[in-house]
Amino acid sequence: MKKDYYEPGIYIEQVFINFSRRSVKIVDSDGYDDTIEWQWTKKGADGFLETVTNIQNDVPSELVTYCFSEKE
């Protein structure tokens, strides 16, 4: 039996795009979150750019938060 990965009633609550860490954190309506980080290589830059572009095209802007720098 094929597993259906779509969970009815679960949706994206917020997306955090962190440019200084080259990462994307996605929080769902159940409160779960997942953070994806890209390597600091050309391939990582290309993958990060592609993902950010897809998010900008497909996710409502009010759900996206952009982080440009962090103080350690």
PDB file of N, CA and C in Angstrom:
ATOM      1  N   MET A   1       0.839  -1.183   0.000  1.00  0.00           N
ATOM      2  CA  MET A   1       0.000   0.000   0.000  1.00  0.00           C
ATOM      3  C   MET A   1       0.883   1.244   0.000  1.00  0.00           C
ATOM      4  N   LYS A   2       0.600   2.157  -0.888  1.00  0.00           N
ATOM      5  CA  LYS A   2       1.391   3.380  -0.995  1.00  0.00           C
ATOM      6  C   LYS A   2       1.024   4.343   0.137  1.00  0.00           C
ATOM      7  N   LYS A   3       2.041   4.907   0.787  1.00  0.00           N
ATOM      8  CA  LYS A   3       1.841   5.865   1.874  1.00  0.00           C
ATOM      9  C   LYS A   3       1.504   7.237   1.299  1.00  0.00           C
ATOM     10  N   ASP A   4       0.421   7.808   1.772  1.00  0.00           N
ATOM     11  CA  ASP A   4       0.041   9.158   1.368  1.00  0.00           C
ATOM     12  C   ASP A   4       0.659  10.135   2.370  1.00  0.00           C
ATOM     13  N   TYR A   5       1.537  11.005   1.897  1.00  0.00           N
ATOM     14  CA  TYR A   5       2.243  11.919   2.786  1.00  0.00           C
ATOM     15  C   TYR A   5       1.462  13.187   3.086  1.00  0.00           C
ATOM     16  N   TYR A   6       0.344  13.373   2.439  1.00  0.00           N
ATOM     17  CA  TYR A   6      -0.487  14.546   2.707  1.00  0.00           C
ATOM     18  C   TYR A   6      -1.306  14.305   3.962  1.00  0.00           C
ATOM     19  N   GLU A   7      -1.217  15.202   4.912  1.00  0.00           N
ATOM     20  CA  GLU A   7      -1.984  15.109   6.142  1.00  0.00           C
ATOM     21  C   GLU A   7      -3.070  16.184   6.111  1.00  0.00           C
ATOM     22  N   PRO A   8      -4.331  15.804   5.962  1.00  0.00           N
ATOM     23  CA  PRO A   8      -5.387  16.812   5.933  1.00  0.00           C
ATOM     24  C   PRO A   8      -5.400  17.618   7.232  1.00  0.00           C
ATOM     25  N   GLY A   9      -5.580  18.919   7.112  1.00  0.00           N
ATOM     26  CA  GLY A   9      -5.665  19.761   8.297  1.00  0.00           C
ATOM     27  C   GLY A   9      -4.333  20.281   8.801  1.00  0.00           C
ATOM     28  N   ILE A  10      -3.224  19.870   8.228  1.00  0.00           N
ATOM     29  CA  ILE A  10      -1.912  20.374   8.626  1.00  0.00           C
ATOM     30  C   ILE A  10      -1.435  21.314   7.524  1.00  0.00           C
ATOM     31  N   TYR A  11      -1.011  22.498   7.913  1.00  0.00           N
ATOM     32  CA  TYR A  11      -0.568  23.475   6.931  1.00  0.00           C
ATOM     33  C   TYR A  11       0.603  24.278   7.480  1.00  0.00           C
ATOM     34  N   ILE A  12       1.240  25.024   6.616  1.00  0.00           N
ATOM     35  CA  ILE A  12       2.387  25.843   7.009  1.00  0.00           C
ATOM     36  C   ILE A  12       1.899  27.030   7.819  1.00  0.00           C
ATOM     37  N   GLU A  13       2.466  27.189   8.980  1.00  0.00           N
ATOM     38  CA  GLU A  13       2.130  28.282   9.881  1.00  0.00           C
ATOM     39  C   GLU A  13       3.073  29.473   9.664  1.00  0.00           C
ATOM     40  N   GLN A  14       4.365  29.178   9.499  1.00  0.00           N
ATOM     41  CA  GLN A  14       5.373  30.237   9.330  1.00  0.00           C
ATOM     42  C   GLN A  14       6.614  29.653   8.672  1.00  0.00           C
ATOM     43  N   VAL A  15       7.297  30.481   7.879  1.00  0.00           N
ATOM     44  CA  VAL A  15       8.569  30.111   7.266  1.00  0.00           C
ATOM     45  C   VAL A  15       9.576  31.192   7.626  1.00  0.00           C
ATOM     46  N   PHE A  16      10.727  30.778   8.141  1.00  0.00           N
ATOM     47  CA  PHE A  16      11.809  31.700   8.481  1.00  0.00           C
ATOM     48  C   PHE A  16      12.972  31.445   7.528  1.00  0.00           C
ATOM     49  N   ILE A  17      13.343  32.455   6.765  1.00  0.00           N
ATOM     50  CA  ILE A  17      14.478  32.354   5.852  1.00  0.00           C
ATOM     51  C   ILE A  17      15.617  33.147   6.466  1.00  0.00           C
ATOM     52  N   ASN A  18      16.698  32.459   6.812  1.00  0.00           N
ATOM     53  CA  ASN A  18      17.838  33.087   7.474  1.00  0.00           C
ATOM     54  C   ASN A  18      19.006  33.134   6.492  1.00  0.00           C
ATOM     55  N   PHE A  19      19.282  34.334   5.980  1.00  0.00           N
ATOM     56  CA  PHE A  19      20.341  34.485   4.986  1.00  0.00           C
ATOM     57  C   PHE A  19      21.728  34.357   5.595  1.00  0.00           C
ATOM     58  N   SER A  20      21.911  34.798   6.840  1.00  0.00           N
ATOM     59  CA  SER A  20      23.234  34.730   7.451  1.00  0.00           C
ATOM     60  C   SER A  20      23.639  33.295   7.795  1.00  0.00           C
ATOM     61  N   ARG A  21      22.663  32.415   7.966  1.00  0.00           N
ATOM     62  CA  ARG A  21      22.962  31.005   8.239  1.00  0.00           C
ATOM     63  C   ARG A  21      22.709  30.107   7.034  1.00  0.00           C
ATOM     64  N   ARG A  22      22.143  30.694   5.990  1.00  0.00           N
ATOM     65  CA  ARG A  22      21.744  29.953   4.797  1.00  0.00           C
ATOM     66  C   ARG A  22      20.856  28.774   5.205  1.00  0.00           C
ATOM     67  N   SER A  23      19.753  29.126   5.876  1.00  0.00           N
ATOM     68  CA  SER A  23      18.844  28.095   6.364  1.00  0.00           C
ATOM     69  C   SER A  23      17.393  28.530   6.188  1.00  0.00           C
ATOM     70  N   VAL A  24      16.509  27.536   6.198  1.00  0.00           N
ATOM     71  CA  VAL A  24      15.069  27.757   6.145  1.00  0.00           C
ATOM     72  C   VAL A  24      14.443  26.906   7.240  1.00  0.00           C
ATOM     73  N   LYS A  25      13.604  27.548   8.059  1.00  0.00           N
ATOM     74  CA  LYS A  25      12.876  26.836   9.109  1.00  0.00           C
ATOM     75  C   LYS A  25      11.397  26.937   8.778  1.00  0.00           C
ATOM     76  N   ILE A  26      10.723  25.786   8.765  1.00  0.00           N
ATOM     77  CA  ILE A  26       9.296  25.728   8.461  1.00  0.00           C
ATOM     78  C   ILE A  26       8.568  25.211   9.700  1.00  0.00           C
ATOM     79  N   VAL A  27       7.538  25.951  10.121  1.00  0.00           N
ATOM     80  CA  VAL A  27       6.725  25.572  11.270  1.00  0.00           C
ATOM     81  C   VAL A  27       5.328  25.240  10.755  1.00  0.00           C
ATOM     82  N   ASP A  28       4.805  24.066  11.181  1.00  0.00           N
ATOM     83  CA  ASP A  28       3.473  23.688  10.711  1.00  0.00           C
ATOM     84  C   ASP A  28       2.413  24.006  11.758  1.00  0.00           C
ATOM     85  N   SER A  29       1.168  23.782  11.397  1.00  0.00           N
ATOM     86  CA  SER A  29       0.039  24.141  12.258  1.00  0.00           C
ATOM     87  C   SER A  29      -0.035  23.301  13.531  1.00  0.00           C
ATOM     88  N   ASP A  30       0.653  22.187  13.576  1.00  0.00           N
ATOM     89  CA  ASP A  30       0.709  21.371  14.794  1.00  0.00           C
ATOM     90  C   ASP A  30       1.850  21.791  15.711  1.00  0.00           C
ATOM     91  N   GLY A  31       2.633  22.785  15.295  1.00  0.00           N
ATOM     92  CA  GLY A  31       3.735  23.284  16.111  1.00  0.00           C
ATOM     93  C   GLY A  31       5.064  22.597  15.848  1.00  0.00           C
ATOM     94  N   TYR A  32       5.083  21.632  14.956  1.00  0.00           N
ATOM     95  CA  TYR A  32       6.337  20.978  14.607  1.00  0.00           C
ATOM     96  C   TYR A  32       7.143  21.887  13.684  1.00  0.00           C
ATOM     97  N   ASP A  33       8.460  21.796  13.803  1.00  0.00           N
ATOM     98  CA  ASP A  33       9.290  22.594  12.907  1.00  0.00           C
ATOM     99  C   ASP A  33      10.453  21.769  12.402  1.00  0.00           C
ATOM    100  N   ASP A  34      10.968  22.204  11.270  1.00  0.00           N
ATOM    101  CA  ASP A  34      12.125  21.557  10.660  1.00  0.00           C
ATOM    102  C   ASP A  34      12.994  22.648  10.059  1.00  0.00           C
ATOM    103  N   THR A  35      14.289  22.546  10.296  1.00  0.00           N
ATOM    104  CA  THR A  35      15.233  23.514   9.759  1.00  0.00           C
ATOM    105  C   THR A  35      16.150  22.810   8.777  1.00  0.00           C
ATOM    106  N   ILE A  36      16.290  23.417   7.612  1.00  0.00           N
ATOM    107  CA  ILE A  36      17.171  22.891   6.572  1.00  0.00           C
ATOM    108  C   ILE A  36      18.295  23.894   6.384  1.00  0.00           C
ATOM    109  N   GLU A  37      19.525  23.419   6.373  1.00  0.00           N
ATOM    110  CA  GLU A  37      20.685  24.290   6.166  1.00  0.00           C
ATOM    111  C   GLU A  37      21.442  23.828   4.925  1.00  0.00           C
ATOM    112  N   TRP A  38      21.960  24.804   4.192  1.00  0.00           N
ATOM    113  CA  TRP A  38      22.729  24.520   2.985  1.00  0.00           C
ATOM    114  C   TRP A  38      24.199  24.771   3.247  1.00  0.00           C
ATOM    115  N   GLN A  39      25.037  24.007   2.566  1.00  0.00           N
ATOM    116  CA  GLN A  39      26.482  24.154   2.698  1.00  0.00           C
ATOM    117  C   GLN A  39      26.927  25.487   2.104  1.00  0.00           C
ATOM    118  N   TRP A  40      28.080  25.948   2.562  1.00  0.00           N
ATOM    119  CA  TRP A  40      28.667  27.197   2.068  1.00  0.00           C
ATOM    120  C   TRP A  40      29.561  26.900   0.867  1.00  0.00           C
ATOM    121  N   THR A  41      28.920  26.345  -0.164  1.00  0.00           N
ATOM    122  CA  THR A  41      29.589  26.030  -1.422  1.00  0.00           C
ATOM    123  C   THR A  41      28.730  26.598  -2.554  1.00  0.00           C
ATOM    124  N   LYS A  42      29.219  26.529  -3.765  1.00  0.00           N
ATOM    125  CA  LYS A  42      28.456  26.979  -4.932  1.00  0.00           C
ATOM    126  C   LYS A  42      27.172  26.164  -5.058  1.00  0.00           C
ATOM    127  N   LYS A  43      27.280  24.858  -4.870  1.00  0.00           N
ATOM    128  CA  LYS A  43      26.113  23.987  -4.955  1.00  0.00           C
ATOM    129  C   LYS A  43      25.094  24.330  -3.862  1.00  0.00           C
ATOM    130  N   GLY A  44      25.583  24.602  -2.657  1.00  0.00           N
ATOM    131  CA  GLY A  44      24.706  25.007  -1.565  1.00  0.00           C
ATOM    132  C   GLY A  44      24.020  26.330  -1.848  1.00  0.00           C
ATOM    133  N   ALA A  45      24.755  27.274  -2.418  1.00  0.00           N
ATOM    134  CA  ALA A  45      24.182  28.579  -2.771  1.00  0.00           C
ATOM    135  C   ALA A  45      23.079  28.416  -3.811  1.00  0.00           C
ATOM    136  N   ASP A  46      23.325  27.578  -4.807  1.00  0.00           N
ATOM    137  CA  ASP A  46      22.324  27.351  -5.852  1.00  0.00           C
ATOM    138  C   ASP A  46      21.061  26.710  -5.269  1.00  0.00           C
ATOM    139  N   GLY A  47      21.228  25.734  -4.388  1.00  0.00           N
ATOM    140  CA  GLY A  47      20.084  25.061  -3.768  1.00  0.00           C
ATOM    141  C   GLY A  47      19.293  26.002  -2.871  1.00  0.00           C
ATOM    142  N   PHE A  48      19.998  26.830  -2.107  1.00  0.00           N
ATOM    143  CA  PHE A  48      19.349  27.801  -1.230  1.00  0.00           C
ATOM    144  C   PHE A  48      18.565  28.813  -2.061  1.00  0.00           C
ATOM    145  N   LEU A  49      19.171  29.328  -3.120  1.00  0.00           N
ATOM    146  CA  LEU A  49      18.507  30.286  -4.002  1.00  0.00           C
ATOM    147  C   LEU A  49      17.243  29.680  -4.615  1.00  0.00           C
ATOM    148  N   GLU A  50      17.338  28.465  -5.087  1.00  0.00           N
ATOM    149  CA  GLU A  50      16.182  27.799  -5.692  1.00  0.00           C
ATOM    150  C   GLU A  50      15.049  27.634  -4.672  1.00  0.00           C
ATOM    151  N   THR A  51      15.397  27.230  -3.452  1.00  0.00           N
ATOM    152  CA  THR A  51      14.386  27.030  -2.414  1.00  0.00           C
ATOM    153  C   THR A  51      13.727  28.347  -2.023  1.00  0.00           C
ATOM    154  N   VAL A  52      14.527  29.392  -1.817  1.00  0.00           N
ATOM    155  CA  VAL A  52      13.979  30.699  -1.451  1.00  0.00           C
ATOM    156  C   VAL A  52      13.072  31.225  -2.568  1.00  0.00           C
ATOM    157  N   THR A  53      13.473  31.052  -3.798  1.00  0.00           N
ATOM    158  CA  THR A  53      12.653  31.481  -4.928  1.00  0.00           C
ATOM    159  C   THR A  53      11.319  30.738  -4.950  1.00  0.00           C
ATOM    160  N   ASN A  54      11.343  29.435  -4.716  1.00  0.00           N
ATOM    161  CA  ASN A  54      10.106  28.652  -4.688  1.00  0.00           C
ATOM    162  C   ASN A  54       9.197  29.088  -3.542  1.00  0.00           C
ATOM    163  N   ILE A  55       9.774  29.360  -2.384  1.00  0.00           N
ATOM    164  CA  ILE A  55       8.984  29.827  -1.245  1.00  0.00           C
ATOM    165  C   ILE A  55       8.334  31.169  -1.584  1.00  0.00           C
ATOM    166  N   GLN A  56       9.111  32.085  -2.154  1.00  0.00           N
ATOM    167  CA  GLN A  56       8.564  33.395  -2.508  1.00  0.00           C
ATOM    168  C   GLN A  56       7.430  33.281  -3.520  1.00  0.00           C
ATOM    169  N   ASN A  57       7.511  32.320  -4.418  1.00  0.00           N
ATOM    170  CA  ASN A  57       6.484  32.138  -5.441  1.00  0.00           C
ATOM    171  C   ASN A  57       5.248  31.397  -4.940  1.00  0.00           C
ATOM    172  N   ASP A  58       5.423  30.518  -3.940  1.00  0.00           N
ATOM    173  CA  ASP A  58       4.343  29.603  -3.567  1.00  0.00           C
ATOM    174  C   ASP A  58       3.730  29.825  -2.186  1.00  0.00           C
ATOM    175  N   VAL A  59       4.402  30.553  -1.313  1.00  0.00           N
ATOM    176  CA  VAL A  59       3.919  30.747   0.061  1.00  0.00           C
ATOM    177  C   VAL A  59       3.459  32.199   0.213  1.00  0.00           C
ATOM    178  N   PRO A  60       2.291  32.422   0.795  1.00  0.00           N
ATOM    179  CA  PRO A  60       1.838  33.799   1.008  1.00  0.00           C
ATOM    180  C   PRO A  60       2.867  34.614   1.803  1.00  0.00           C
ATOM    181  N   SER A  61       3.100  35.835   1.376  1.00  0.00           N
ATOM    182  CA  SER A  61       4.166  36.651   1.965  1.00  0.00           C
ATOM    183  C   SER A  61       3.980  36.899   3.463  1.00  0.00           C
ATOM    184  N   GLU A  62       2.743  36.905   3.948  1.00  0.00           N
ATOM    185  CA  GLU A  62       2.524  37.131   5.385  1.00  0.00           C
ATOM    186  C   GLU A  62       2.976  35.961   6.250  1.00  0.00           C
ATOM    187  N   LEU A  63       3.292  34.827   5.630  1.00  0.00           N
ATOM    188  CA  LEU A  63       3.784  33.667   6.376  1.00  0.00           C
ATOM    189  C   LEU A  63       5.310  33.561   6.367  1.00  0.00           C
ATOM    190  N   VAL A  64       5.984  34.473   5.666  1.00  0.00           N
ATOM    191  CA  VAL A  64       7.435  34.382   5.498  1.00  0.00           C
ATOM    192  C   VAL A  64       8.122  35.506   6.275  1.00  0.00           C
ATOM    193  N   THR A  65       9.119  35.116   7.087  1.00  0.00           N
ATOM    194  CA  THR A  65       9.941  36.076   7.823  1.00  0.00           C
ATOM    195  C   THR A  65      11.369  35.946   7.331  1.00  0.00           C
ATOM    196  N   TYR A  66      11.981  37.077   6.987  1.00  0.00           N
ATOM    197  CA  TYR A  66      13.349  37.096   6.493  1.00  0.00           C
ATOM    198  C   TYR A  66      14.279  37.573   7.599  1.00  0.00           C
ATOM    199  N   CYS A  67      15.345  36.819   7.827  1.00  0.00           N
ATOM    200  CA  CYS A  67      16.379  37.187   8.800  1.00  0.00           C
ATOM    201  C   CYS A  67      17.667  37.426   8.017  1.00  0.00           C
ATOM    202  N   PHE A  68      18.256  38.627   8.178  1.00  0.00           N
ATOM    203  CA  PHE A  68      19.435  38.974   7.388  1.00  0.00           C
ATOM    204  C   PHE A  68      20.736  38.915   8.163  1.00  0.00           C
ATOM    205  N   SER A  69      20.697  39.038   9.479  1.00  0.00           N
ATOM    206  CA  SER A  69      21.917  38.890  10.276  1.00  0.00           C
ATOM    207  C   SER A  69      21.517  38.523  11.706  1.00  0.00           C
ATOM    208  N   GLU A  70      22.468  37.941  12.411  1.00  0.00           N
ATOM    209  CA  GLU A  70      22.239  37.540  13.792  1.00  0.00           C
ATOM    210  C   GLU A  70      23.416  37.965  14.630  1.00  0.00           C
ATOM    211  N   LYS A  71      23.124  38.315  15.833  1.00  0.00           N
ATOM    212  CA  LYS A  71      24.171  38.656  16.789  1.00  0.00           C
ATOM    213  C   LYS A  71      24.443  37.415  17.631  1.00  0.00           C
ATOM    214  N   GLU A  72      25.684  37.023  17.700  1.00  0.00           N
ATOM    215  CA  GLU A  72      26.015  35.811  18.473  1.00  0.00           C
ATOM    216  C   GLU A  72      26.326  36.135  19.901  1.00  0.00           C
TER     217      GLU A  72
END
